[in-house]
Amino acid sequence: MTSLVIAEHDNASIKGATLNTITAAAACGGDVHVLVAGHNAAAAAAAAAQIAGVSKVIHADSDSLAHGLAENVAAQVLAIAAQYSHILFPATAGGKNVAPRVAAKLDVAQISDVTQVISADTFERPIYAGNAIATVQSTDGTKVITVRTTGFDAAAASGGSAAVETAAAQADSGKSSFKGSEIAKNDRPELTAAKIIVSGGRALGSSEKFNEVMTPLADKLGAAIGASRAAVDAGYAANDLQVGQTGKIVAPQLYIAAGISGAIQHLAGMKDSKVIVAINKDPEAPIFSVADFGLEADLFAAVPELTQAL
């Protein structure tokens, strides 16, 4: 029994979500192999070989794999899928784009957003915005899984010595092409990888107040900035800052929620944080039910005081 993890990378290094997925793959039992499909990605393959618990890295290199187009990556996975009992993807935008294609071609049911591996064929995954946990048993010969990375510790990025094997790249499917990308420049930590996150809600009232109150605190803590869906919908914060069921799932060491009531959709995205601090003037706010520390106060007074104290 061998598991295959589809690595997320930038052709030079391995992204953190891959490390959590490798931990999930190891829990399935047997050896863990990693597929690095990219272009001029030898450095990423070498980095994957150093990850603890990985026994083999398969490196496929082609122009058609340079940008991770779902059709081409799926074809690369399918070319070697018969060798594996489990095929695991991080439950990121990229992983969730490729995994359904692989599952459909293999005619198996995808097991999505796994947070715990009970045994080789039994898994747990959240449903109803995390209010219930489903236990799913699969009898499929090949199990195609997406992994909620916050549910698993990251594998050590060093200490391994896996062999790197070159695989023939599959031909370009011709079904899609890469036209360009607009990547936001940000000096802050990436939201899903940050150890500290400071999030603001609709109570901030405007984008100007959001920046005026939240940015200094984030600067002091070296934190990423997040936002509730209500704040994003109101235009106070950018879409890529949204934390929640329809945004990004995070689990930092410290999560500070200011002016966030704690709607179920938001809690689903951050309740696995190690320490949660809530600041809200409404004593009945649902956020207090999951907070480790709660401060019933006006955020416009409390947050600047906290910033100054730091």
Protein backbone atom coordinates (compact mmCIF):
# COMPACT_ATOMS: atom_id res chain seq x y z
CA MET A 1 0.00 0.00 0.00
CA THR A 2 1.55 3.27 -1.16
CA SER A 3 0.23 6.83 -1.10
CA LEU A 4 0.94 9.57 -3.63
CA VAL A 5 0.95 13.22 -2.56
CA ILE A 6 0.60 15.85 -5.28
CA ALA A 7 2.99 18.62 -4.28
CA GLU A 8 2.13 22.28 -4.39
CA HIS A 9 5.20 24.27 -5.38
CA ASP A 10 6.45 27.30 -7.28
CA ASN A 11 8.99 25.32 -9.33
CA ALA A 12 11.67 26.34 -6.83
CA SER A 13 10.36 25.34 -3.40
CA ILE A 14 7.64 23.25 -1.80
CA LYS A 15 4.66 25.07 -0.32
CA GLY A 16 3.66 24.46 3.28
CA ALA A 17 0.34 22.79 2.46
CA THR A 18 2.27 19.86 0.99
CA LEU A 19 3.92 19.15 4.35
CA ASN A 20 0.55 18.77 6.10
CA THR A 21 -0.71 16.54 3.29
CA ILE A 22 2.35 14.28 3.65
CA THR A 23 1.48 13.79 7.33
CA ALA A 24 -2.04 12.72 6.31
CA ALA A 25 -0.60 10.35 3.70
CA ALA A 26 1.69 8.75 6.29
CA ALA A 27 -1.35 8.11 8.50
CA CYS A 28 -2.88 6.05 5.68
CA GLY A 29 -0.06 3.51 6.11
CA GLY A 30 2.65 2.31 3.75
CA ASP A 31 5.18 4.36 1.81
CA VAL A 32 4.65 7.97 0.81
CA HIS A 33 5.66 9.18 -2.67
CA VAL A 34 5.48 12.80 -3.82
CA LEU A 35 4.77 13.97 -7.37
CA VAL A 36 6.44 17.24 -8.36
CA ALA A 37 4.96 18.22 -11.73
CA GLY A 38 6.34 21.48 -13.08
CA HIS A 39 8.85 23.15 -15.38
CA ASN A 40 12.50 23.61 -14.40
CA ALA A 41 11.37 22.32 -11.01
CA ALA A 42 14.47 20.33 -10.07
CA ALA A 43 14.96 22.51 -6.99
CA ALA A 44 11.42 21.79 -5.82
CA ALA A 45 11.94 18.06 -6.38
CA ALA A 46 15.17 18.19 -4.37
CA ALA A 47 13.36 20.01 -1.56
CA ALA A 48 10.62 17.36 -1.59
CA ALA A 49 13.25 14.64 -1.25
CA GLN A 50 14.40 16.22 2.03
CA ILE A 51 10.96 16.01 3.67
CA ALA A 52 10.82 13.51 6.51
CA GLY A 53 8.70 10.45 5.77
CA VAL A 54 8.94 10.64 1.97
CA SER A 55 10.40 7.51 0.37
CA LYS A 56 10.35 8.62 -3.30
CA VAL A 57 9.92 11.79 -5.32
CA ILE A 58 8.61 11.58 -8.87
CA HIS A 59 9.65 14.56 -10.96
CA ALA A 60 7.82 15.33 -14.20
CA ASP A 61 9.13 18.33 -16.11
CA SER A 62 7.50 20.03 -19.09
CA ASP A 63 6.49 23.45 -20.38
CA SER A 64 2.86 22.30 -20.16
CA LEU A 65 3.22 21.78 -16.39
CA ALA A 66 4.80 25.17 -15.66
CA HIS A 67 1.65 26.82 -14.32
CA GLY A 68 -0.18 23.85 -12.82
CA LEU A 69 -3.03 23.80 -15.33
CA ALA A 70 -5.55 21.33 -13.93
CA GLU A 71 -6.04 19.29 -17.11
CA ASN A 72 -2.32 18.72 -17.59
CA VAL A 73 -1.56 17.97 -13.95
CA ALA A 74 -4.50 15.54 -13.79
CA ALA A 75 -3.17 13.70 -16.86
CA GLN A 76 0.23 13.43 -15.18
CA VAL A 77 -1.34 11.98 -12.04
CA LEU A 78 -3.46 9.52 -14.01
CA ALA A 79 -0.39 8.24 -15.85
CA ILE A 80 0.95 6.77 -12.60
CA ALA A 81 -2.26 6.41 -10.57
CA ALA A 82 -2.47 2.62 -10.96
CA GLN A 83 0.53 2.20 -8.66
CA TYR A 84 -1.15 3.82 -5.66
CA SER A 85 -3.84 3.00 -3.13
CA HIS A 86 -4.27 6.64 -2.02
CA ILE A 87 -3.82 9.87 -3.98
CA LEU A 88 -3.81 12.95 -1.79
CA PHE A 89 -4.06 16.66 -2.63
CA PRO A 90 -4.01 19.66 -0.29
CA ALA A 91 -7.52 21.14 -0.10
CA THR A 92 -6.30 24.37 -1.66
CA ALA A 93 -7.53 26.09 -4.81
CA GLY A 94 -5.02 24.11 -6.87
CA GLY A 95 -5.70 20.77 -5.22
CA LYS A 96 -9.46 21.16 -5.44
CA ASN A 97 -9.11 21.97 -9.12
CA VAL A 98 -7.20 18.80 -10.01
CA ALA A 99 -8.58 16.18 -7.61
CA PRO A 100 -12.15 15.95 -9.06
CA ARG A 101 -10.73 15.36 -12.54
CA VAL A 102 -8.58 12.51 -11.26
CA ALA A 103 -11.45 10.97 -9.29
CA ALA A 104 -13.81 11.18 -12.26
CA LYS A 105 -11.34 9.57 -14.64
CA LEU A 106 -10.71 6.77 -12.14
CA ASP A 107 -14.48 6.41 -11.57
CA VAL A 108 -14.13 6.69 -7.80
CA ALA A 109 -15.75 8.93 -5.19
CA GLN A 110 -13.59 11.81 -4.02
CA ILE A 111 -13.21 12.12 -0.25
CA SER A 112 -13.04 15.85 0.41
CA ASP A 113 -11.59 17.99 3.18
CA VAL A 114 -10.31 15.14 5.35
CA THR A 115 -9.30 16.24 8.86
CA GLN A 116 -8.42 12.85 10.35
CA VAL A 117 -7.33 9.46 9.07
CA ILE A 118 -8.89 6.73 11.20
CA SER A 119 -7.63 3.84 9.08
CA ALA A 120 -6.57 3.19 5.51
CA ASP A 121 -10.21 3.23 4.34
CA THR A 122 -11.94 5.41 6.97
CA PHE A 123 -11.69 9.17 7.33
CA GLU A 124 -13.28 12.10 9.12
CA ARG A 125 -14.38 15.29 7.41
CA PRO A 126 -16.41 18.30 8.61
CA ILE A 127 -19.90 18.95 7.27
CA TYR A 128 -22.50 21.66 7.96
CA ALA A 129 -19.79 24.33 8.29
CA GLY A 130 -17.93 22.23 10.81
CA ASN A 131 -20.90 21.70 13.15
CA ALA A 132 -20.84 17.97 12.50
CA ILE A 133 -18.10 15.51 11.64
CA ALA A 134 -18.84 12.78 9.11
CA THR A 135 -17.01 9.46 9.28
CA VAL A 136 -16.55 8.22 5.72
CA GLN A 137 -15.53 4.69 4.74
CA SER A 138 -14.46 4.06 1.16
CA THR A 139 -14.30 0.71 -0.59
CA ASP A 140 -12.81 2.17 -3.78
CA GLY A 141 -9.58 0.56 -4.92
CA THR A 142 -7.96 3.98 -5.26
CA LYS A 143 -8.89 6.65 -2.78
CA VAL A 144 -8.70 10.23 -4.05
CA ILE A 145 -8.52 12.57 -1.09
CA THR A 146 -8.25 16.30 -0.46
CA VAL A 147 -6.74 17.18 2.90
CA ARG A 148 -7.77 20.11 5.09
CA THR A 149 -4.24 21.09 6.01
CA THR A 150 -5.19 22.67 9.34
CA GLY A 151 -6.18 19.20 10.57
CA PHE A 152 -2.64 17.80 10.37
CA ASP A 153 0.75 18.88 11.67
CA ALA A 154 3.33 19.72 9.03
CA ALA A 155 5.94 17.07 8.26
CA ALA A 156 9.52 18.14 8.93
CA ALA A 157 10.94 19.85 5.85
CA SER A 158 14.36 18.31 6.46
CA GLY A 159 15.73 15.01 7.63
CA GLY A 160 14.59 12.88 4.70
CA SER A 161 16.68 11.39 1.92
CA ALA A 162 14.23 10.17 -0.71
CA ALA A 163 15.30 9.11 -4.19
CA VAL A 164 14.23 11.39 -7.04
CA GLU A 165 12.89 9.55 -10.07
CA THR A 166 12.19 11.22 -13.41
CA ALA A 167 8.85 10.47 -15.06
CA ALA A 168 7.94 11.14 -18.68
CA ALA A 169 5.78 14.23 -18.94
CA GLN A 170 2.39 13.80 -20.54
CA ALA A 171 1.52 15.75 -23.67
CA ASP A 172 -0.26 19.07 -23.33
CA SER A 173 -4.01 18.41 -23.30
CA GLY A 174 -4.68 21.56 -25.34
CA LYS A 175 -7.85 22.16 -23.31
CA SER A 176 -6.56 25.23 -21.51
CA SER A 177 -3.70 27.67 -21.74
CA PHE A 178 -1.99 30.07 -19.37
CA LYS A 179 -2.51 33.72 -20.32
CA GLY A 180 -1.06 35.58 -17.36
CA SER A 181 -1.38 36.28 -13.68
CA GLU A 182 -1.77 39.30 -11.44
CA ILE A 183 -0.23 38.53 -8.09
CA ALA A 184 -0.78 40.93 -5.21
CA LYS A 185 2.44 42.07 -3.57
CA ASN A 186 2.32 41.77 0.20
CA ASP A 187 5.06 42.10 2.76
CA ARG A 188 2.94 40.33 5.34
CA PRO A 189 2.85 36.56 5.90
CA GLU A 190 0.51 34.61 3.62
CA LEU A 191 -2.82 34.22 5.41
CA THR A 192 -3.03 30.41 5.45
CA ALA A 193 0.61 30.06 6.59
CA ALA A 194 0.74 32.87 9.17
CA LYS A 195 1.41 32.10 12.84
CA ILE A 196 -0.48 35.21 13.96
CA ILE A 197 -3.60 36.63 12.32
CA VAL A 198 -5.44 39.83 13.19
CA SER A 199 -8.97 39.90 11.73
CA GLY A 200 -11.53 42.66 11.56
CA GLY A 201 -15.27 42.57 11.05
CA ARG A 202 -18.15 44.72 9.86
CA ALA A 203 -18.13 46.70 13.12
CA LEU A 204 -15.10 48.61 11.84
CA GLY A 205 -17.48 50.57 9.62
CA SER A 206 -15.27 51.51 6.67
CA SER A 207 -12.12 50.53 4.83
CA GLU A 208 -10.40 53.60 6.25
CA LYS A 209 -11.18 52.58 9.82
CA PHE A 210 -10.24 48.97 9.02
CA ASN A 211 -6.78 50.08 7.95
CA GLU A 212 -6.46 52.68 10.69
CA VAL A 213 -7.26 50.27 13.51
CA MET A 214 -6.08 46.86 12.31
CA THR A 215 -2.88 47.64 10.39
CA PRO A 216 -0.88 49.07 13.34
CA LEU A 217 -1.72 46.02 15.47
CA ALA A 218 -0.71 43.65 12.69
CA ASP A 219 2.52 45.60 12.21
CA LYS A 220 3.39 45.32 15.90
CA LEU A 221 2.74 41.57 15.95
CA GLY A 222 4.21 40.79 12.51
CA ALA A 223 0.82 39.30 11.73
CA ALA A 224 -1.25 38.61 8.64
CA ILE A 225 -4.51 40.54 8.29
CA GLY A 226 -7.82 38.73 7.85
CA ALA A 227 -11.44 39.77 7.62
CA SER A 228 -14.92 38.39 8.03
CA ARG A 229 -17.14 37.89 5.01
CA ALA A 230 -19.33 40.76 6.16
CA ALA A 231 -16.32 43.10 6.12
CA VAL A 232 -15.27 41.88 2.68
CA ASP A 233 -18.80 42.15 1.26
CA ALA A 234 -19.05 45.70 2.60
CA GLY A 235 -15.83 46.61 0.81
CA TYR A 236 -13.78 47.20 3.96
CA ALA A 237 -11.19 44.56 3.01
CA ALA A 238 -9.99 42.70 -0.08
CA ASN A 239 -11.50 39.34 -1.06
CA ASP A 240 -8.23 37.47 -0.50
CA LEU A 241 -8.33 38.44 3.20
CA GLN A 242 -11.60 36.61 3.87
CA VAL A 243 -11.46 33.94 6.56
CA GLY A 244 -14.29 31.43 6.75
CA GLN A 245 -16.17 28.66 5.05
CA THR A 246 -16.25 30.54 1.74
CA GLY A 247 -12.84 32.12 2.30
CA LYS A 248 -9.61 30.72 3.71
CA ILE A 249 -9.33 28.07 6.40
CA VAL A 250 -6.66 29.07 8.92
CA ALA A 251 -5.20 27.65 12.12
CA PRO A 252 -2.55 30.07 13.41
CA GLN A 253 -0.92 30.02 16.83
CA LEU A 254 -2.81 33.24 17.68
CA TYR A 255 -6.03 34.59 16.12
CA ILE A 256 -7.30 37.99 17.20
CA ALA A 257 -10.88 38.78 16.12
CA ALA A 258 -11.92 42.41 16.50
CA GLY A 259 -15.51 43.42 15.83
CA ILE A 260 -16.40 39.97 14.48
CA SER A 261 -19.67 38.57 15.83
CA GLY A 262 -18.75 34.97 15.03
CA ALA A 263 -21.20 33.80 12.38
CA ILE A 264 -21.04 30.05 11.81
CA GLN A 265 -19.37 30.52 8.41
CA HIS A 266 -16.53 32.51 9.97
CA LEU A 267 -16.04 30.11 12.87
CA ALA A 268 -15.70 27.24 10.40
CA GLY A 269 -12.59 28.92 9.01
CA MET A 270 -10.69 29.73 12.21
CA LYS A 271 -11.89 27.68 15.17
CA ASP A 272 -8.88 25.34 14.95
CA SER A 273 -6.58 28.24 15.87
CA LYS A 274 -4.43 27.44 18.90
CA VAL A 275 -5.35 30.60 20.86
CA ILE A 276 -8.36 32.77 19.96
CA VAL A 277 -8.77 36.29 21.33
CA ALA A 278 -12.10 38.03 20.75
CA ILE A 279 -12.78 41.75 21.17
CA ASN A 280 -16.46 42.70 20.89
CA LYS A 281 -18.78 45.00 22.78
CA ASP A 282 -21.71 42.56 22.46
CA PRO A 283 -21.54 40.07 25.36
CA GLU A 284 -23.80 37.68 23.44
CA ALA A 285 -21.57 37.53 20.36
CA PRO A 286 -21.08 33.87 19.30
CA ILE A 287 -17.32 34.47 18.88
CA PHE A 288 -16.98 34.34 22.66
CA SER A 289 -18.11 30.69 22.65
CA VAL A 290 -14.91 29.62 20.88
CA ALA A 291 -12.55 32.27 22.28
CA ASP A 292 -9.84 31.38 24.77
CA PHE A 293 -9.75 35.02 25.86
CA GLY A 294 -12.64 37.43 25.45
CA LEU A 295 -12.68 41.19 25.97
CA GLU A 296 -16.07 42.87 26.11
CA ALA A 297 -15.08 46.33 24.93
CA ASP A 298 -15.33 48.87 22.13
CA LEU A 299 -12.74 47.80 19.57
CA PHE A 300 -12.01 51.44 18.64
CA ALA A 301 -10.66 51.94 22.15
CA ALA A 302 -9.36 48.46 22.96
CA VAL A 303 -7.35 47.74 19.80
CA PRO A 304 -5.35 50.99 19.82
CA GLU A 305 -4.67 50.48 23.55
CA LEU A 306 -3.44 46.97 22.83
CA THR A 307 -1.27 48.26 19.99
CA GLN A 308 0.23 50.95 22.22
CA ALA A 309 0.88 48.44 25.02
CA LEU A 310 2.83 46.24 22.62
